[in-house]
Amino acid sequence: PFILLALFLLLHREGRAALDRMVSGTVSSAPVSSGGRALDS
């Protein structure tokens, strides 16, 4: 599961966008409300 999560973060477009947000410090602490997208939070 940890291998697959790392691969998802690097291979999937939304995973890379989440990494970009985490690295840039623009991580939001708001609850998930945009159509159930888990990575938006």
PDB file of all heavy atoms in Angstrom:
ATOM      1  N   PRO A   1       0.811  -1.227   0.000  1.00  0.00           N
ATOM      2  CA  PRO A   1       0.000   0.000   0.000  1.00  0.00           C
ATOM      3  C   PRO A   1       0.842   1.274   0.000  1.00  0.00           C
ATOM      4  O   PRO A   1       0.478   2.264  -0.633  1.00  0.00           O
ATOM      5  CB  PRO A   1      -0.824  -0.103   1.285  1.00  0.00           C
ATOM      6  CG  PRO A   1      -0.843  -1.547   1.611  1.00  0.00           C
ATOM      7  CD  PRO A   1       0.443  -2.109   1.109  1.00  0.00           C
ATOM      8  N   PHE A   2       1.972   1.243   0.670  1.00  0.00           N
ATOM      9  CA  PHE A   2       2.838   2.422   0.715  1.00  0.00           C
ATOM     10  C   PHE A   2       3.524   2.653  -0.628  1.00  0.00           C
ATOM     11  O   PHE A   2       3.707   3.792  -1.059  1.00  0.00           O
ATOM     12  CB  PHE A   2       3.874   2.275   1.843  1.00  0.00           C
ATOM     13  CG  PHE A   2       3.235   2.077   3.179  1.00  0.00           C
ATOM     14  CD1 PHE A   2       3.165   0.826   3.757  1.00  0.00           C
ATOM     15  CD2 PHE A   2       2.673   3.145   3.855  1.00  0.00           C
ATOM     16  CE1 PHE A   2       2.572   0.636   4.982  1.00  0.00           C
ATOM     17  CE2 PHE A   2       2.066   2.966   5.087  1.00  0.00           C
ATOM     18  CZ  PHE A   2       2.011   1.711   5.647  1.00  0.00           C
ATOM     19  N   ILE A   3       3.897   1.566  -1.295  1.00  0.00           N
ATOM     20  CA  ILE A   3       4.477   1.679  -2.640  1.00  0.00           C
ATOM     21  C   ILE A   3       3.449   2.267  -3.595  1.00  0.00           C
ATOM     22  O   ILE A   3       3.750   3.192  -4.358  1.00  0.00           O
ATOM     23  CB  ILE A   3       4.956   0.303  -3.143  1.00  0.00           C
ATOM     24  CG1 ILE A   3       6.108  -0.218  -2.305  1.00  0.00           C
ATOM     25  CG2 ILE A   3       5.357   0.373  -4.612  1.00  0.00           C
ATOM     26  CD1 ILE A   3       6.488  -1.656  -2.604  1.00  0.00           C
ATOM     27  N   LEU A   4       2.223   1.752  -3.539  1.00  0.00           N
ATOM     28  CA  LEU A   4       1.184   2.231  -4.448  1.00  0.00           C
ATOM     29  C   LEU A   4       0.818   3.685  -4.172  1.00  0.00           C
ATOM     30  O   LEU A   4       0.566   4.451  -5.111  1.00  0.00           O
ATOM     31  CB  LEU A   4      -0.045   1.333  -4.355  1.00  0.00           C
ATOM     32  CG  LEU A   4       0.151  -0.100  -4.853  1.00  0.00           C
ATOM     33  CD1 LEU A   4      -1.101  -0.922  -4.616  1.00  0.00           C
ATOM     34  CD2 LEU A   4       0.571  -0.116  -6.300  1.00  0.00           C
ATOM     35  N   LEU A   5       0.806   4.095  -2.911  1.00  0.00           N
ATOM     36  CA  LEU A   5       0.516   5.496  -2.588  1.00  0.00           C
ATOM     37  C   LEU A   5       1.611   6.409  -3.126  1.00  0.00           C
ATOM     38  O   LEU A   5       1.319   7.463  -3.705  1.00  0.00           O
ATOM     39  CB  LEU A   5       0.349   5.689  -1.083  1.00  0.00           C
ATOM     40  CG  LEU A   5       0.015   7.103  -0.632  1.00  0.00           C
ATOM     41  CD1 LEU A   5      -1.281   7.596  -1.267  1.00  0.00           C
ATOM     42  CD2 LEU A   5      -0.076   7.154   0.877  1.00  0.00           C
ATOM     43  N   ALA A   6       2.868   6.023  -2.971  1.00  0.00           N
ATOM     44  CA  ALA A   6       3.967   6.832  -3.513  1.00  0.00           C
ATOM     45  C   ALA A   6       3.876   6.902  -5.039  1.00  0.00           C
ATOM     46  O   ALA A   6       4.074   7.969  -5.634  1.00  0.00           O
ATOM     47  CB  ALA A   6       5.311   6.254  -3.082  1.00  0.00           C
ATOM     48  N   LEU A   7       3.550   5.778  -5.680  1.00  0.00           N
ATOM     49  CA  LEU A   7       3.410   5.785  -7.140  1.00  0.00           C
ATOM     50  C   LEU A   7       2.238   6.659  -7.574  1.00  0.00           C
ATOM     51  O   LEU A   7       2.325   7.381  -8.561  1.00  0.00           O
ATOM     52  CB  LEU A   7       3.233   4.361  -7.668  1.00  0.00           C
ATOM     53  CG  LEU A   7       4.464   3.471  -7.602  1.00  0.00           C
ATOM     54  CD1 LEU A   7       4.118   2.062  -8.028  1.00  0.00           C
ATOM     55  CD2 LEU A   7       5.593   4.031  -8.429  1.00  0.00           C
ATOM     56  N   PHE A   8       1.131   6.607  -6.822  1.00  0.00           N
ATOM     57  CA  PHE A   8      -0.011   7.459  -7.142  1.00  0.00           C
ATOM     58  C   PHE A   8       0.362   8.932  -7.044  1.00  0.00           C
ATOM     59  O   PHE A   8       0.024   9.734  -7.919  1.00  0.00           O
ATOM     60  CB  PHE A   8      -1.189   7.162  -6.207  1.00  0.00           C
ATOM     61  CG  PHE A   8      -2.297   8.164  -6.333  1.00  0.00           C
ATOM     62  CD1 PHE A   8      -3.175   8.106  -7.403  1.00  0.00           C
ATOM     63  CD2 PHE A   8      -2.452   9.181  -5.407  1.00  0.00           C
ATOM     64  CE1 PHE A   8      -4.190   9.039  -7.535  1.00  0.00           C
ATOM     65  CE2 PHE A   8      -3.463  10.110  -5.532  1.00  0.00           C
ATOM     66  CZ  PHE A   8      -4.331  10.039  -6.595  1.00  0.00           C
ATOM     67  N   LEU A   9       1.068   9.306  -5.977  1.00  0.00           N
ATOM     68  CA  LEU A   9       1.440  10.706  -5.810  1.00  0.00           C
ATOM     69  C   LEU A   9       2.312  11.204  -6.953  1.00  0.00           C
ATOM     70  O   LEU A   9       2.215  12.355  -7.355  1.00  0.00           O
ATOM     71  CB  LEU A   9       2.164  10.905  -4.481  1.00  0.00           C
ATOM     72  CG  LEU A   9       1.287  10.897  -3.239  1.00  0.00           C
ATOM     73  CD1 LEU A   9       2.150  10.937  -1.980  1.00  0.00           C
ATOM     74  CD2 LEU A   9       0.312  12.053  -3.251  1.00  0.00           C
ATOM     75  N   LEU A  10       3.167  10.338  -7.472  1.00  0.00           N
ATOM     76  CA  LEU A  10       4.078  10.770  -8.524  1.00  0.00           C
ATOM     77  C   LEU A  10       3.510  10.612  -9.928  1.00  0.00           C
ATOM     78  O   LEU A  10       3.846  11.386 -10.821  1.00  0.00           O
ATOM     79  CB  LEU A  10       5.393  10.003  -8.414  1.00  0.00           C
ATOM     80  CG  LEU A  10       6.225  10.352  -7.190  1.00  0.00           C
ATOM     81  CD1 LEU A  10       7.390   9.395  -7.053  1.00  0.00           C
ATOM     82  CD2 LEU A  10       6.705  11.788  -7.248  1.00  0.00           C
ATOM     83  N   LEU A  11       2.651   9.629 -10.154  1.00  0.00           N
ATOM     84  CA  LEU A  11       2.180   9.357 -11.510  1.00  0.00           C
ATOM     85  C   LEU A  11       0.874  10.051 -11.864  1.00  0.00           C
ATOM     86  O   LEU A  11       0.667  10.412 -13.017  1.00  0.00           O
ATOM     87  CB  LEU A  11       2.009   7.851 -11.718  1.00  0.00           C
ATOM     88  CG  LEU A  11       3.293   7.049 -11.797  1.00  0.00           C
ATOM     89  CD1 LEU A  11       2.990   5.569 -11.848  1.00  0.00           C
ATOM     90  CD2 LEU A  11       4.110   7.465 -13.007  1.00  0.00           C
ATOM     91  N   HIS A  12       0.008  10.228 -10.900  1.00  0.00           N
ATOM     92  CA  HIS A  12      -1.307  10.794 -11.203  1.00  0.00           C
ATOM     93  C   HIS A  12      -1.241  12.327 -11.171  1.00  0.00           C
ATOM     94  O   HIS A  12      -0.557  12.925 -10.352  1.00  0.00           O
ATOM     95  CB  HIS A  12      -2.336  10.286 -10.196  1.00  0.00           C
ATOM     96  CG  HIS A  12      -3.740  10.471 -10.657  1.00  0.00           C
ATOM     97  ND1 HIS A  12      -4.441  11.611 -10.407  1.00  0.00           N
ATOM     98  CD2 HIS A  12      -4.560   9.654 -11.365  1.00  0.00           C
ATOM     99  CE1 HIS A  12      -5.655  11.504 -10.922  1.00  0.00           C
ATOM    100  NE2 HIS A  12      -5.749  10.314 -11.512  1.00  0.00           N
ATOM    101  N   ARG A  13      -1.975  12.934 -12.065  1.00  0.00           N
ATOM    102  CA  ARG A  13      -1.986  14.399 -12.174  1.00  0.00           C
ATOM    103  C   ARG A  13      -2.411  15.053 -10.855  1.00  0.00           C
ATOM    104  O   ARG A  13      -1.802  16.018 -10.414  1.00  0.00           O
ATOM    105  CB  ARG A  13      -2.917  14.804 -13.309  1.00  0.00           C
ATOM    106  CG  ARG A  13      -3.049  16.286 -13.523  1.00  0.00           C
ATOM    107  CD  ARG A  13      -3.977  16.604 -14.692  1.00  0.00           C
ATOM    108  NE  ARG A  13      -5.119  15.717 -14.823  1.00  0.00           N
ATOM    109  CZ  ARG A  13      -6.300  15.929 -14.220  1.00  0.00           C
ATOM    110  NH1 ARG A  13      -6.483  16.966 -13.465  1.00  0.00           N
ATOM    111  NH2 ARG A  13      -7.292  15.075 -14.399  1.00  0.00           N
ATOM    112  N   GLU A  14      -3.453  14.530 -10.223  1.00  0.00           N
ATOM    113  CA  GLU A  14      -3.916  15.118  -8.963  1.00  0.00           C
ATOM    114  C   GLU A  14      -2.923  14.861  -7.829  1.00  0.00           C
ATOM    115  O   GLU A  14      -2.788  15.674  -6.931  1.00  0.00           O
ATOM    116  CB  GLU A  14      -5.293  14.575  -8.599  1.00  0.00           C
ATOM    117  CG  GLU A  14      -6.382  15.102  -9.497  1.00  0.00           C
ATOM    118  CD  GLU A  14      -7.753  14.640  -9.056  1.00  0.00           C
ATOM    119  OE1 GLU A  14      -7.891  14.165  -7.914  1.00  0.00           O
ATOM    120  OE2 GLU A  14      -8.686  14.762  -9.858  1.00  0.00           O
ATOM    121  N   GLY A  15      -2.238  13.738  -7.885  1.00  0.00           N
ATOM    122  CA  GLY A  15      -1.217  13.456  -6.880  1.00  0.00           C
ATOM    123  C   GLY A  15      -0.065  14.443  -6.978  1.00  0.00           C
ATOM    124  O   GLY A  15       0.423  14.950  -5.963  1.00  0.00           O
ATOM    125  N   ARG A  16       0.377  14.728  -8.215  1.00  0.00           N
ATOM    126  CA  ARG A  16       1.454  15.722  -8.389  1.00  0.00           C
ATOM    127  C   ARG A  16       0.977  17.110  -7.986  1.00  0.00           C
ATOM    128  O   ARG A  16       1.732  17.891  -7.417  1.00  0.00           O
ATOM    129  CB  ARG A  16       1.942  15.711  -9.831  1.00  0.00           C
ATOM    130  CG  ARG A  16       2.756  14.488 -10.169  1.00  0.00           C
ATOM    131  CD  ARG A  16       3.450  14.607 -11.511  1.00  0.00           C
ATOM    132  NE  ARG A  16       2.560  14.958 -12.607  1.00  0.00           N
ATOM    133  CZ  ARG A  16       1.871  14.096 -13.332  1.00  0.00           C
ATOM    134  NH1 ARG A  16       1.957  12.805 -13.080  1.00  0.00           N
ATOM    135  NH2 ARG A  16       1.101  14.491 -14.313  1.00  0.00           N
ATOM    136  N   ALA A  17      -0.295  17.436  -8.258  1.00  0.00           N
ATOM    137  CA  ALA A  17      -0.827  18.735  -7.839  1.00  0.00           C
ATOM    138  C   ALA A  17      -0.852  18.832  -6.317  1.00  0.00           C
ATOM    139  O   ALA A  17      -0.528  19.885  -5.752  1.00  0.00           O
ATOM    140  CB  ALA A  17      -2.234  18.933  -8.403  1.00  0.00           C
ATOM    141  N   ALA A  18      -1.210  17.735  -5.648  1.00  0.00           N
ATOM    142  CA  ALA A  18      -1.191  17.734  -4.184  1.00  0.00           C
ATOM    143  C   ALA A  18       0.227  17.892  -3.655  1.00  0.00           C
ATOM    144  O   ALA A  18       0.460  18.626  -2.690  1.00  0.00           O
ATOM    145  CB  ALA A  18      -1.819  16.452  -3.648  1.00  0.00           C
ATOM    146  N   LEU A  19       1.192  17.232  -4.290  1.00  0.00           N
ATOM    147  CA  LEU A  19       2.587  17.393  -3.886  1.00  0.00           C
ATOM    148  C   LEU A  19       3.044  18.830  -4.085  1.00  0.00           C
ATOM    149  O   LEU A  19       3.744  19.394  -3.233  1.00  0.00           O
ATOM    150  CB  LEU A  19       3.487  16.446  -4.683  1.00  0.00           C
ATOM    151  CG  LEU A  19       3.523  14.999  -4.240  1.00  0.00           C
ATOM    152  CD1 LEU A  19       4.327  14.167  -5.227  1.00  0.00           C
ATOM    153  CD2 LEU A  19       4.086  14.869  -2.850  1.00  0.00           C
ATOM    154  N   ASP A  20       2.666  19.426  -5.214  1.00  0.00           N
ATOM    155  CA  ASP A  20       3.026  20.821  -5.461  1.00  0.00           C
ATOM    156  C   ASP A  20       2.448  21.736  -4.378  1.00  0.00           C
ATOM    157  O   ASP A  20       3.130  22.641  -3.904  1.00  0.00           O
ATOM    158  CB  ASP A  20       2.539  21.273  -6.835  1.00  0.00           C
ATOM    159  CG  ASP A  20       3.355  20.680  -7.971  1.00  0.00           C
ATOM    160  OD1 ASP A  20       4.550  20.384  -7.751  1.00  0.00           O
ATOM    161  OD2 ASP A  20       2.791  20.506  -9.068  1.00  0.00           O
ATOM    162  N   ARG A  21       1.194  21.480  -3.990  1.00  0.00           N
ATOM    163  CA  ARG A  21       0.585  22.296  -2.936  1.00  0.00           C
ATOM    164  C   ARG A  21       1.275  22.086  -1.595  1.00  0.00           C
ATOM    165  O   ARG A  21       1.490  23.026  -0.842  1.00  0.00           O
ATOM    166  CB  ARG A  21      -0.906  21.990  -2.813  1.00  0.00           C
ATOM    167  CG  ARG A  21      -1.736  22.564  -3.943  1.00  0.00           C
ATOM    168  CD  ARG A  21      -3.223  22.499  -3.642  1.00  0.00           C
ATOM    169  NE  ARG A  21      -3.697  21.158  -3.360  1.00  0.00           N
ATOM    170  CZ  ARG A  21      -4.133  20.297  -4.273  1.00  0.00           C
ATOM    171  NH1 ARG A  21      -4.142  20.646  -5.548  1.00  0.00           N
ATOM    172  NH2 ARG A  21      -4.568  19.101  -3.927  1.00  0.00           N
ATOM    173  N   MET A  22       1.630  20.846  -1.284  1.00  0.00           N
ATOM    174  CA  MET A  22       2.304  20.569  -0.010  1.00  0.00           C
ATOM    175  C   MET A  22       3.678  21.218   0.041  1.00  0.00           C
ATOM    176  O   MET A  22       4.077  21.754   1.071  1.00  0.00           O
ATOM    177  CB  MET A  22       2.431  19.068   0.211  1.00  0.00           C
ATOM    178  CG  MET A  22       1.159  18.401   0.663  1.00  0.00           C
ATOM    179  SD  MET A  22       1.446  16.683   1.100  1.00  0.00           S
ATOM    180  CE  MET A  22       0.652  15.879  -0.270  1.00  0.00           C
ATOM    181  N   VAL A  23       4.385  21.167  -1.070  1.00  0.00           N
ATOM    182  CA  VAL A  23       5.735  21.741  -1.109  1.00  0.00           C
ATOM    183  C   VAL A  23       5.677  23.260  -1.060  1.00  0.00           C
ATOM    184  O   VAL A  23       6.481  23.901  -0.397  1.00  0.00           O
ATOM    185  CB  VAL A  23       6.487  21.247  -2.364  1.00  0.00           C
ATOM    186  CG1 VAL A  23       7.757  22.029  -2.590  1.00  0.00           C
ATOM    187  CG2 VAL A  23       6.786  19.770  -2.236  1.00  0.00           C
ATOM    188  N   SER A  24       4.697  23.853  -1.752  1.00  0.00           N
ATOM    189  CA  SER A  24       4.620  25.309  -1.792  1.00  0.00           C
ATOM    190  C   SER A  24       4.017  25.892  -0.519  1.00  0.00           C
ATOM    191  O   SER A  24       4.066  27.099  -0.318  1.00  0.00           O
ATOM    192  CB  SER A  24       3.810  25.766  -3.006  1.00  0.00           C
ATOM    193  OG  SER A  24       2.458  25.403  -2.847  1.00  0.00           O
ATOM    194  N   GLY A  25       3.431  25.040   0.317  1.00  0.00           N
ATOM    195  CA  GLY A  25       2.868  25.529   1.569  1.00  0.00           C
ATOM    196  C   GLY A  25       1.464  26.050   1.452  1.00  0.00           C
ATOM    197  O   GLY A  25       0.965  26.715   2.349  1.00  0.00           O
ATOM    198  N   THR A  26       0.786  25.744   0.362  1.00  0.00           N
ATOM    199  CA  THR A  26      -0.588  26.226   0.179  1.00  0.00           C
ATOM    200  C   THR A  26      -1.592  25.119   0.477  1.00  0.00           C
ATOM    201  O   THR A  26      -2.611  25.005  -0.171  1.00  0.00           O
ATOM    202  CB  THR A  26      -0.807  26.732  -1.257  1.00  0.00           C
ATOM    203  OG1 THR A  26      -0.534  25.657  -2.156  1.00  0.00           O
ATOM    204  CG2 THR A  26       0.053  27.920  -1.556  1.00  0.00           C
ATOM    205  N   VAL A  27      -1.296  24.319   1.466  1.00  0.00           N
ATOM    206  CA  VAL A  27      -2.185  23.238   1.852  1.00  0.00           C
ATOM    207  C   VAL A  27      -3.355  23.828   2.606  1.00  0.00           C
ATOM    208  O   VAL A  27      -3.187  24.540   3.586  1.00  0.00           O
ATOM    209  CB  VAL A  27      -1.453  22.207   2.730  1.00  0.00           C
ATOM    210  CG1 VAL A  27      -2.395  21.105   3.164  1.00  0.00           C
ATOM    211  CG2 VAL A  27      -0.265  21.642   1.995  1.00  0.00           C
ATOM    212  N   SER A  28      -4.567  23.526   2.147  1.00  0.00           N
ATOM    213  CA  SER A  28      -5.739  24.075   2.820  1.00  0.00           C
ATOM    214  C   SER A  28      -6.171  23.123   3.921  1.00  0.00           C
ATOM    215  O   SER A  28      -6.043  21.915   3.813  1.00  0.00           O
ATOM    216  CB  SER A  28      -6.884  24.290   1.827  1.00  0.00           C
ATOM    217  OG  SER A  28      -7.708  23.168   1.774  1.00  0.00           O
ATOM    218  N   SER A  29      -6.711  23.671   4.994  1.00  0.00           N
ATOM    219  CA  SER A  29      -7.194  22.845   6.091  1.00  0.00           C
ATOM    220  C   SER A  29      -8.709  22.749   6.072  1.00  0.00           C
ATOM    221  O   SER A  29      -9.313  22.299   7.020  1.00  0.00           O
ATOM    222  CB  SER A  29      -6.726  23.428   7.420  1.00  0.00           C
ATOM    223  OG  SER A  29      -7.218  24.748   7.554  1.00  0.00           O
ATOM    224  N   ALA A  30      -9.327  23.186   4.965  1.00  0.00           N
ATOM    225  CA  ALA A  30     -10.779  23.135   4.850  1.00  0.00           C
ATOM    226  C   ALA A  30     -11.228  21.704   4.594  1.00  0.00           C
ATOM    227  O   ALA A  30     -10.508  20.919   3.990  1.00  0.00           O
ATOM    228  CB  ALA A  30     -11.238  24.036   3.704  1.00  0.00           C
ATOM    229  N   PRO A  31     -12.429  21.355   5.053  1.00  0.00           N
ATOM    230  CA  PRO A  31     -12.924  20.002   4.800  1.00  0.00           C
ATOM    231  C   PRO A  31     -13.206  19.793   3.317  1.00  0.00           C
ATOM    232  O   PRO A  31     -13.377  20.739   2.561  1.00  0.00           O
ATOM    233  CB  PRO A  31     -14.212  19.926   5.621  1.00  0.00           C
ATOM    234  CG  PRO A  31     -14.594  21.342   5.875  1.00  0.00           C
ATOM    235  CD  PRO A  31     -13.344  22.153   5.847  1.00  0.00           C
ATOM    236  N   VAL A  32     -13.265  18.538   2.923  1.00  0.00           N
ATOM    237  CA  VAL A  32     -13.522  18.188   1.529  1.00  0.00           C
ATOM    238  C   VAL A  32     -14.951  18.565   1.190  1.00  0.00           C
ATOM    239  O   VAL A  32     -15.885  18.130   1.826  1.00  0.00           O
ATOM    240  CB  VAL A  32     -13.313  16.678   1.299  1.00  0.00           C
ATOM    241  CG1 VAL A  32     -13.638  16.310  -0.122  1.00  0.00           C
ATOM    242  CG2 VAL A  32     -11.918  16.297   1.651  1.00  0.00           C
ATOM    243  N   SER A  33     -15.116  19.424   0.173  1.00  0.00           N
ATOM    244  CA  SER A  33     -16.464  19.840  -0.197  1.00  0.00           C
ATOM    245  C   SER A  33     -16.633  19.985  -1.698  1.00  0.00           C
ATOM    246  O   SER A  33     -17.682  20.394  -2.136  1.00  0.00           O
ATOM    247  CB  SER A  33     -16.802  21.164   0.488  1.00  0.00           C
ATOM    248  OG  SER A  33     -15.944  22.169   0.022  1.00  0.00           O
ATOM    249  N   SER A  34     -15.636  19.693  -2.469  1.00  0.00           N
ATOM    250  CA  SER A  34     -15.737  19.906  -3.914  1.00  0.00           C
ATOM    251  C   SER A  34     -15.961  18.599  -4.637  1.00  0.00           C
ATOM    252  O   SER A  34     -15.077  18.055  -5.276  1.00  0.00           O
ATOM    253  CB  SER A  34     -14.466  20.587  -4.426  1.00  0.00           C
ATOM    254  OG  SER A  34     -13.364  19.751  -4.197  1.00  0.00           O
ATOM    255  N   GLY A  35     -17.137  18.061  -4.513  1.00  0.00           N
ATOM    256  CA  GLY A  35     -17.479  16.841  -5.239  1.00  0.00           C
ATOM    257  C   GLY A  35     -16.841  15.595  -4.692  1.00  0.00           C
ATOM    258  O   GLY A  35     -16.677  14.631  -5.408  1.00  0.00           O
ATOM    259  N   GLY A  36     -16.412  15.593  -3.446  1.00  0.00           N
ATOM    260  CA  GLY A  36     -15.854  14.405  -2.834  1.00  0.00           C
ATOM    261  C   GLY A  36     -14.419  14.110  -3.235  1.00  0.00           C
ATOM    262  O   GLY A  36     -13.958  13.016  -3.072  1.00  0.00           O
ATOM    263  N   ARG A  37     -13.705  15.046  -3.760  1.00  0.00           N
ATOM    264  CA  ARG A  37     -12.325  14.831  -4.158  1.00  0.00           C
ATOM    265  C   ARG A  37     -11.443  14.882  -2.915  1.00  0.00           C
ATOM    266  O   ARG A  37     -11.275  15.933  -2.309  1.00  0.00           O
ATOM    267  CB  ARG A  37     -11.878  15.858  -5.175  1.00  0.00           C
ATOM    268  CG  ARG A  37     -12.717  15.791  -6.436  1.00  0.00           C
ATOM    269  CD  ARG A  37     -12.302  16.866  -7.357  1.00  0.00           C
ATOM    270  NE  ARG A  37     -11.777  16.197  -8.556  1.00  0.00           N
ATOM    271  CZ  ARG A  37     -11.060  16.808  -9.447  1.00  0.00           C
ATOM    272  NH1 ARG A  37     -10.728  18.058  -9.307  1.00  0.00           N
ATOM    273  NH2 ARG A  37     -10.654  16.167 -10.507  1.00  0.00           N
ATOM    274  N   ALA A  38     -10.886  13.768  -2.551  1.00  0.00           N
ATOM    275  CA  ALA A  38     -10.125  13.663  -1.309  1.00  0.00           C
ATOM    276  C   ALA A  38      -8.834  14.466  -1.335  1.00  0.00           C
ATOM    277  O   ALA A  38      -8.413  14.994  -0.321  1.00  0.00           O
ATOM    278  CB  ALA A  38      -9.813  12.195  -1.012  1.00  0.00           C
ATOM    279  N   LEU A  39      -8.207  14.594  -2.486  1.00  0.00           N
ATOM    280  CA  LEU A  39      -6.925  15.288  -2.544  1.00  0.00           C
ATOM    281  C   LEU A  39      -7.072  16.798  -2.517  1.00  0.00           C
ATOM    282  O   LEU A  39      -6.097  17.495  -2.334  1.00  0.00           O
ATOM    283  CB  LEU A  39      -6.155  14.872  -3.789  1.00  0.00           C
ATOM    284  CG  LEU A  39      -5.576  13.461  -3.739  1.00  0.00           C
ATOM    285  CD1 LEU A  39      -4.887  13.139  -5.044  1.00  0.00           C
ATOM    286  CD2 LEU A  39      -4.629  13.302  -2.585  1.00  0.00           C
ATOM    287  N   ASP A  40      -8.293  17.315  -2.685  1.00  0.00           N
ATOM    288  CA  ASP A  40      -8.458  18.752  -2.636  1.00  0.00           C
ATOM    289  C   ASP A  40      -8.189  19.314  -1.237  1.00  0.00           C
ATOM    290  O   ASP A  40      -7.847  20.469  -1.091  1.00  0.00           O
ATOM    291  CB  ASP A  40      -9.888  19.156  -3.044  1.00  0.00           C
ATOM    292  CG  ASP A  40     -10.092  19.022  -4.549  1.00  0.00           C
ATOM    293  OD1 ASP A  40      -9.058  18.893  -5.258  1.00  0.00           O
ATOM    294  OD2 ASP A  40     -11.230  19.040  -4.995  1.00  0.00           O
ATOM    295  N   SER A  41      -8.315  18.488  -0.228  1.00  0.00           N
ATOM    296  CA  SER A  41      -8.092  18.979   1.126  1.00  0.00           C
ATOM    297  C   SER A  41      -6.634  18.926   1.522  1.00  0.00           C
ATOM    298  O   SER A  41      -6.268  19.378   2.585  1.00  0.00           O
ATOM    299  CB  SER A  41      -8.926  18.190   2.120  1.00  0.00           C
ATOM    300  OG  SER A  41      -8.484  16.843   2.130  1.00  0.00           O
TER     301      SER A  41
END
